Amino acid sequence: MRIGFGYDVHALAAGLPMVIAGVRLDSPLGCVAHSDGDVAIHALCDALLGAIAAGDIGAHFPDSDPAYKGIDSTILLERTVEFLAKEGYKVGNVDITIALERPKLRPHIDQMRARLAECLATEVGNVSVKATTTEKLGFTGRSEGVAAYAVALVERI
């Protein structure tokens, strides 16, 4: 078994879509990004890749490559899982924490867990998604950005 940690952050701006953990949310603010800006999936990809010492999401899916412009991050996650399998690993379990003032994520957590489990080819019970605010402190508290932290356990196949 191996453990990896990931972190990602995106600025927020008006008029952009907000997608977190594969779920599109109703929000006046969205993520500024080369892809769809799914901060939770980006942190999760980094955790999975880090667990097997395979670099980070930018090494595998660079933002300088036009092929990834606007890409649905669930595709990146599925490709990361395929890469893990080629390297002889599968997902054990994952735990993600998202720091965002609004919109409130609690109503969407079950849908997020289900979507991530589908992409990870694992059971929902192996996927934890939690949300927190920063009590109006820092860039997330001022609604200037969103951050996500992820940890992943992978196992040899």
C-alpha atoms as a PDB file:
ATOM      1  CA  MET A   1       0.000   0.000   0.000  1.00  0.00           C
ATOM      2  CA  ARG A   2       1.101   3.549  -0.728  1.00  0.00           C
ATOM      3  CA  ILE A   3      -0.276   6.930   0.284  1.00  0.00           C
ATOM      4  CA  GLY A   4      -0.329  10.179  -1.675  1.00  0.00           C
ATOM      5  CA  PHE A   5      -1.378  13.739  -0.889  1.00  0.00           C
ATOM      6  CA  GLY A   6      -2.688  16.387  -3.267  1.00  0.00           C
ATOM      7  CA  TYR A   7      -3.616  20.047  -3.087  1.00  0.00           C
ATOM      8  CA  ASP A   8      -5.117  22.367  -5.675  1.00  0.00           C
ATOM      9  CA  VAL A   9      -6.484  25.884  -5.778  1.00  0.00           C
ATOM     10  CA  HIS A  10      -8.308  27.937  -8.389  1.00  0.00           C
ATOM     11  CA  ALA A  11      -9.302  31.578  -8.479  1.00  0.00           C
ATOM     12  CA  LEU A  12     -13.006  32.335  -8.785  1.00  0.00           C
ATOM     13  CA  ALA A  13     -14.568  34.749 -11.254  1.00  0.00           C
ATOM     14  CA  ALA A  14     -18.091  35.711 -12.296  1.00  0.00           C
ATOM     15  CA  GLY A  15     -19.722  34.034 -15.250  1.00  0.00           C
ATOM     16  CA  LEU A  16     -17.634  30.849 -15.285  1.00  0.00           C
ATOM     17  CA  PRO A  17     -18.950  27.361 -14.547  1.00  0.00           C
ATOM     18  CA  MET A  18     -18.277  25.812 -11.159  1.00  0.00           C
ATOM     19  CA  VAL A  19     -17.610  22.083 -11.287  1.00  0.00           C
ATOM     20  CA  ILE A  20     -16.448  20.302  -8.152  1.00  0.00           C
ATOM     21  CA  ALA A  21     -15.894  16.538  -7.849  1.00  0.00           C
ATOM     22  CA  GLY A  22     -17.534  16.001 -11.217  1.00  0.00           C
ATOM     23  CA  VAL A  23     -20.720  17.862 -10.289  1.00  0.00           C
ATOM     24  CA  ARG A  24     -21.743  21.166 -11.880  1.00  0.00           C
ATOM     25  CA  LEU A  25     -23.009  23.576  -9.227  1.00  0.00           C
ATOM     26  CA  ASP A  26     -25.324  26.551  -9.499  1.00  0.00           C
ATOM     27  CA  SER A  27     -23.082  29.479  -8.609  1.00  0.00           C
ATOM     28  CA  PRO A  28     -22.507  33.035  -9.850  1.00  0.00           C
ATOM     29  CA  LEU A  29     -18.752  32.353  -9.538  1.00  0.00           C
ATOM     30  CA  GLY A  30     -16.740  29.658 -11.272  1.00  0.00           C
ATOM     31  CA  CYS A  31     -13.158  28.481 -11.502  1.00  0.00           C
ATOM     32  CA  VAL A  32     -10.559  30.220 -13.628  1.00  0.00           C
ATOM     33  CA  ALA A  33      -8.665  27.357 -15.287  1.00  0.00           C
ATOM     34  CA  HIS A  34      -7.327  25.810 -18.473  1.00  0.00           C
ATOM     35  CA  SER A  35      -9.588  22.765 -17.974  1.00  0.00           C
ATOM     36  CA  ASP A  36     -13.022  22.826 -16.315  1.00  0.00           C
ATOM     37  CA  GLY A  37     -11.250  23.863 -13.087  1.00  0.00           C
ATOM     38  CA  ASP A  38     -12.456  20.942 -10.946  1.00  0.00           C
ATOM     39  CA  VAL A  39     -10.276  21.637  -7.934  1.00  0.00           C
ATOM     40  CA  ALA A  40     -11.275  18.428  -6.102  1.00  0.00           C
ATOM     41  CA  ILE A  41     -10.401  16.158  -9.011  1.00  0.00           C
ATOM     42  CA  HIS A  42      -7.123  17.981  -9.634  1.00  0.00           C
ATOM     43  CA  ALA A  43      -6.086  17.499  -6.004  1.00  0.00           C
ATOM     44  CA  LEU A  44      -7.190  13.861  -6.182  1.00  0.00           C
ATOM     45  CA  CYS A  45      -5.164  13.197  -9.360  1.00  0.00           C
ATOM     46  CA  ASP A  46      -2.107  14.669  -7.614  1.00  0.00           C
ATOM     47  CA  ALA A  47      -2.692  12.427  -4.591  1.00  0.00           C
ATOM     48  CA  LEU A  48      -3.044   9.310  -6.751  1.00  0.00           C
ATOM     49  CA  LEU A  49       0.011  10.130  -8.856  1.00  0.00           C
ATOM     50  CA  GLY A  50       1.997  11.092  -5.778  1.00  0.00           C
ATOM     51  CA  ALA A  51       1.212   7.775  -4.128  1.00  0.00           C
ATOM     52  CA  ILE A  52       3.204   5.986  -6.820  1.00  0.00           C
ATOM     53  CA  ALA A  53       5.832   8.747  -7.180  1.00  0.00           C
ATOM     54  CA  ALA A  54       4.679   9.522 -10.742  1.00  0.00           C
ATOM     55  CA  GLY A  55       4.778  13.310 -10.631  1.00  0.00           C
ATOM     56  CA  ASP A  56       1.753  15.545 -10.673  1.00  0.00           C
ATOM     57  CA  ILE A  57      -1.252  16.352 -12.835  1.00  0.00           C
ATOM     58  CA  GLY A  58       0.665  19.023 -14.738  1.00  0.00           C
ATOM     59  CA  ALA A  59       3.296  16.503 -15.827  1.00  0.00           C
ATOM     60  CA  HIS A  60       0.649  14.167 -17.246  1.00  0.00           C
ATOM     61  CA  PHE A  61      -1.897  16.719 -18.509  1.00  0.00           C
ATOM     62  CA  PRO A  62      -0.028  20.009 -19.079  1.00  0.00           C
ATOM     63  CA  ASP A  63      -2.006  23.226 -19.362  1.00  0.00           C
ATOM     64  CA  SER A  64       0.252  24.158 -22.282  1.00  0.00           C
ATOM     65  CA  ASP A  65      -1.363  21.374 -24.349  1.00  0.00           C
ATOM     66  CA  PRO A  66      -4.440  22.605 -26.241  1.00  0.00           C
ATOM     67  CA  ALA A  67      -5.924  19.089 -26.014  1.00  0.00           C
ATOM     68  CA  TYR A  68      -6.753  19.812 -22.368  1.00  0.00           C
ATOM     69  CA  LYS A  69      -8.379  23.222 -22.944  1.00  0.00           C
ATOM     70  CA  GLY A  70     -11.804  23.071 -21.266  1.00  0.00           C
ATOM     71  CA  ILE A  71     -11.551  19.301 -20.700  1.00  0.00           C
ATOM     72  CA  ASP A  72     -13.922  17.598 -18.285  1.00  0.00           C
ATOM     73  CA  SER A  73     -11.683  16.703 -15.332  1.00  0.00           C
ATOM     74  CA  THR A  74     -13.464  13.382 -14.840  1.00  0.00           C
ATOM     75  CA  ILE A  75     -11.657  12.315 -18.034  1.00  0.00           C
ATOM     76  CA  LEU A  76      -8.340  13.244 -16.424  1.00  0.00           C
ATOM     77  CA  LEU A  77      -9.253  11.234 -13.334  1.00  0.00           C
ATOM     78  CA  GLU A  78     -10.239   8.188 -15.387  1.00  0.00           C
ATOM     79  CA  ARG A  79      -6.950   8.421 -17.317  1.00  0.00           C
ATOM     80  CA  THR A  80      -5.064   8.685 -14.031  1.00  0.00           C
ATOM     81  CA  VAL A  81      -6.762   5.518 -12.773  1.00  0.00           C
ATOM     82  CA  GLU A  82      -5.862   3.768 -16.059  1.00  0.00           C
ATOM     83  CA  PHE A  83      -2.240   4.892 -15.604  1.00  0.00           C
ATOM     84  CA  LEU A  84      -2.218   3.519 -12.050  1.00  0.00           C
ATOM     85  CA  ALA A  85      -3.497   0.161 -13.325  1.00  0.00           C
ATOM     86  CA  LYS A  86      -0.726   0.029 -15.960  1.00  0.00           C
ATOM     87  CA  GLU A  87       1.745   0.638 -13.142  1.00  0.00           C
ATOM     88  CA  GLY A  88       0.199  -2.206 -11.121  1.00  0.00           C
ATOM     89  CA  TYR A  89      -1.972  -0.257  -8.654  1.00  0.00           C
ATOM     90  CA  LYS A  90      -5.644   0.233  -7.850  1.00  0.00           C
ATOM     91  CA  VAL A  91      -7.438   2.744  -5.641  1.00  0.00           C
ATOM     92  CA  GLY A  92      -7.919   1.673  -2.037  1.00  0.00           C
ATOM     93  CA  ASN A  93      -9.691   4.722  -0.667  1.00  0.00           C
ATOM     94  CA  VAL A  94      -9.633   8.500  -1.027  1.00  0.00           C
ATOM     95  CA  ASP A  95     -10.511  11.423   1.222  1.00  0.00           C
ATOM     96  CA  ILE A  96     -11.063  14.957  -0.078  1.00  0.00           C
ATOM     97  CA  THR A  97     -11.701  18.221   1.758  1.00  0.00           C
ATOM     98  CA  ILE A  98     -12.942  21.259  -0.171  1.00  0.00           C
ATOM     99  CA  ALA A  99     -12.592  24.771   1.289  1.00  0.00           C
ATOM    100  CA  LEU A 100     -15.226  27.114  -0.128  1.00  0.00           C
ATOM    101  CA  GLU A 101     -17.517  29.733   1.402  1.00  0.00           C
ATOM    102  CA  ARG A 102     -20.341  29.325  -1.099  1.00  0.00           C
ATOM    103  CA  PRO A 103     -22.233  27.677  -2.545  1.00  0.00           C
ATOM    104  CA  LYS A 104     -22.795  25.265   0.306  1.00  0.00           C
ATOM    105  CA  LEU A 105     -21.674  21.814  -0.762  1.00  0.00           C
ATOM    106  CA  ARG A 106     -23.495  19.589   1.755  1.00  0.00           C
ATOM    107  CA  PRO A 107     -26.513  19.048  -0.553  1.00  0.00           C
ATOM    108  CA  HIS A 108     -24.147  17.781  -3.285  1.00  0.00           C
ATOM    109  CA  ILE A 109     -21.783  15.537  -1.317  1.00  0.00           C
ATOM    110  CA  ASP A 110     -23.566  12.245  -2.051  1.00  0.00           C
ATOM    111  CA  GLN A 111     -23.654  13.002  -5.777  1.00  0.00           C
ATOM    112  CA  MET A 112     -19.960  13.967  -5.679  1.00  0.00           C
ATOM    113  CA  ARG A 113     -19.018  10.740  -3.920  1.00  0.00           C
ATOM    114  CA  ALA A 114     -20.982   8.674  -6.434  1.00  0.00           C
ATOM    115  CA  ARG A 115     -19.442  10.443  -9.442  1.00  0.00           C
ATOM    116  CA  LEU A 116     -15.913  10.076  -8.085  1.00  0.00           C
ATOM    117  CA  ALA A 117     -16.462   6.398  -7.224  1.00  0.00           C
ATOM    118  CA  GLU A 118     -17.580   5.804 -10.803  1.00  0.00           C
ATOM    119  CA  CYS A 119     -14.428   7.475 -12.185  1.00  0.00           C
ATOM    120  CA  LEU A 120     -12.197   5.631  -9.714  1.00  0.00           C
ATOM    121  CA  ALA A 121     -13.803   2.245 -10.481  1.00  0.00           C
ATOM    122  CA  THR A 122     -14.424   1.687  -6.784  1.00  0.00           C
ATOM    123  CA  GLU A 123     -17.300   1.591  -4.327  1.00  0.00           C
ATOM    124  CA  VAL A 124     -18.822   4.752  -2.888  1.00  0.00           C
ATOM    125  CA  GLY A 125     -17.742   3.575   0.554  1.00  0.00           C
ATOM    126  CA  ASN A 126     -14.131   4.110  -0.532  1.00  0.00           C
ATOM    127  CA  VAL A 127     -14.719   7.788  -1.342  1.00  0.00           C
ATOM    128  CA  SER A 128     -14.981  10.512   1.282  1.00  0.00           C
ATOM    129  CA  VAL A 129     -15.800  14.114   0.356  1.00  0.00           C
ATOM    130  CA  LYS A 130     -16.023  16.810   2.998  1.00  0.00           C
ATOM    131  CA  ALA A 131     -16.614  20.545   2.763  1.00  0.00           C
ATOM    132  CA  THR A 132     -15.557  23.358   5.017  1.00  0.00           C
ATOM    133  CA  THR A 133     -15.432  27.122   5.046  1.00  0.00           C
ATOM    134  CA  THR A 134     -12.510  29.165   6.299  1.00  0.00           C
ATOM    135  CA  GLU A 135     -14.745  31.341   8.459  1.00  0.00           C
ATOM    136  CA  LYS A 136     -14.328  34.231   5.992  1.00  0.00           C
ATOM    137  CA  LEU A 137     -10.523  34.175   6.422  1.00  0.00           C
ATOM    138  CA  GLY A 138      -8.028  34.198   3.556  1.00  0.00           C
ATOM    139  CA  PHE A 139      -8.679  33.977  -0.181  1.00  0.00           C
ATOM    140  CA  THR A 140     -11.305  31.264   0.218  1.00  0.00           C
ATOM    141  CA  GLY A 141     -13.062  33.216   2.946  1.00  0.00           C
ATOM    142  CA  ARG A 142     -13.242  36.272   0.720  1.00  0.00           C
ATOM    143  CA  SER A 143     -14.660  34.080  -2.103  1.00  0.00           C
ATOM    144  CA  GLU A 144     -11.634  34.848  -4.267  1.00  0.00           C
ATOM    145  CA  GLY A 145     -10.828  31.163  -4.702  1.00  0.00           C
ATOM    146  CA  VAL A 146     -11.486  27.560  -3.815  1.00  0.00           C
ATOM    147  CA  ALA A 147      -9.023  24.995  -2.449  1.00  0.00           C
ATOM    148  CA  ALA A 148      -9.075  21.227  -2.165  1.00  0.00           C
ATOM    149  CA  TYR A 149      -6.944  18.740  -0.262  1.00  0.00           C
ATOM    150  CA  ALA A 150      -6.892  15.041  -1.074  1.00  0.00           C
ATOM    151  CA  VAL A 151      -5.255  11.937   0.306  1.00  0.00           C
ATOM    152  CA  ALA A 152      -5.321   8.591  -1.463  1.00  0.00           C
ATOM    153  CA  LEU A 153      -4.377   5.059  -0.536  1.00  0.00           C
ATOM    154  CA  VAL A 154      -3.450   2.832  -3.457  1.00  0.00           C
ATOM    155  CA  GLU A 155      -2.805  -0.899  -3.373  1.00  0.00           C
ATOM    156  CA  ARG A 156      -0.761  -3.211  -5.565  1.00  0.00           C
ATOM    157  CA  ILE A 157      -2.941  -5.239  -7.888  1.00  0.00           C
END
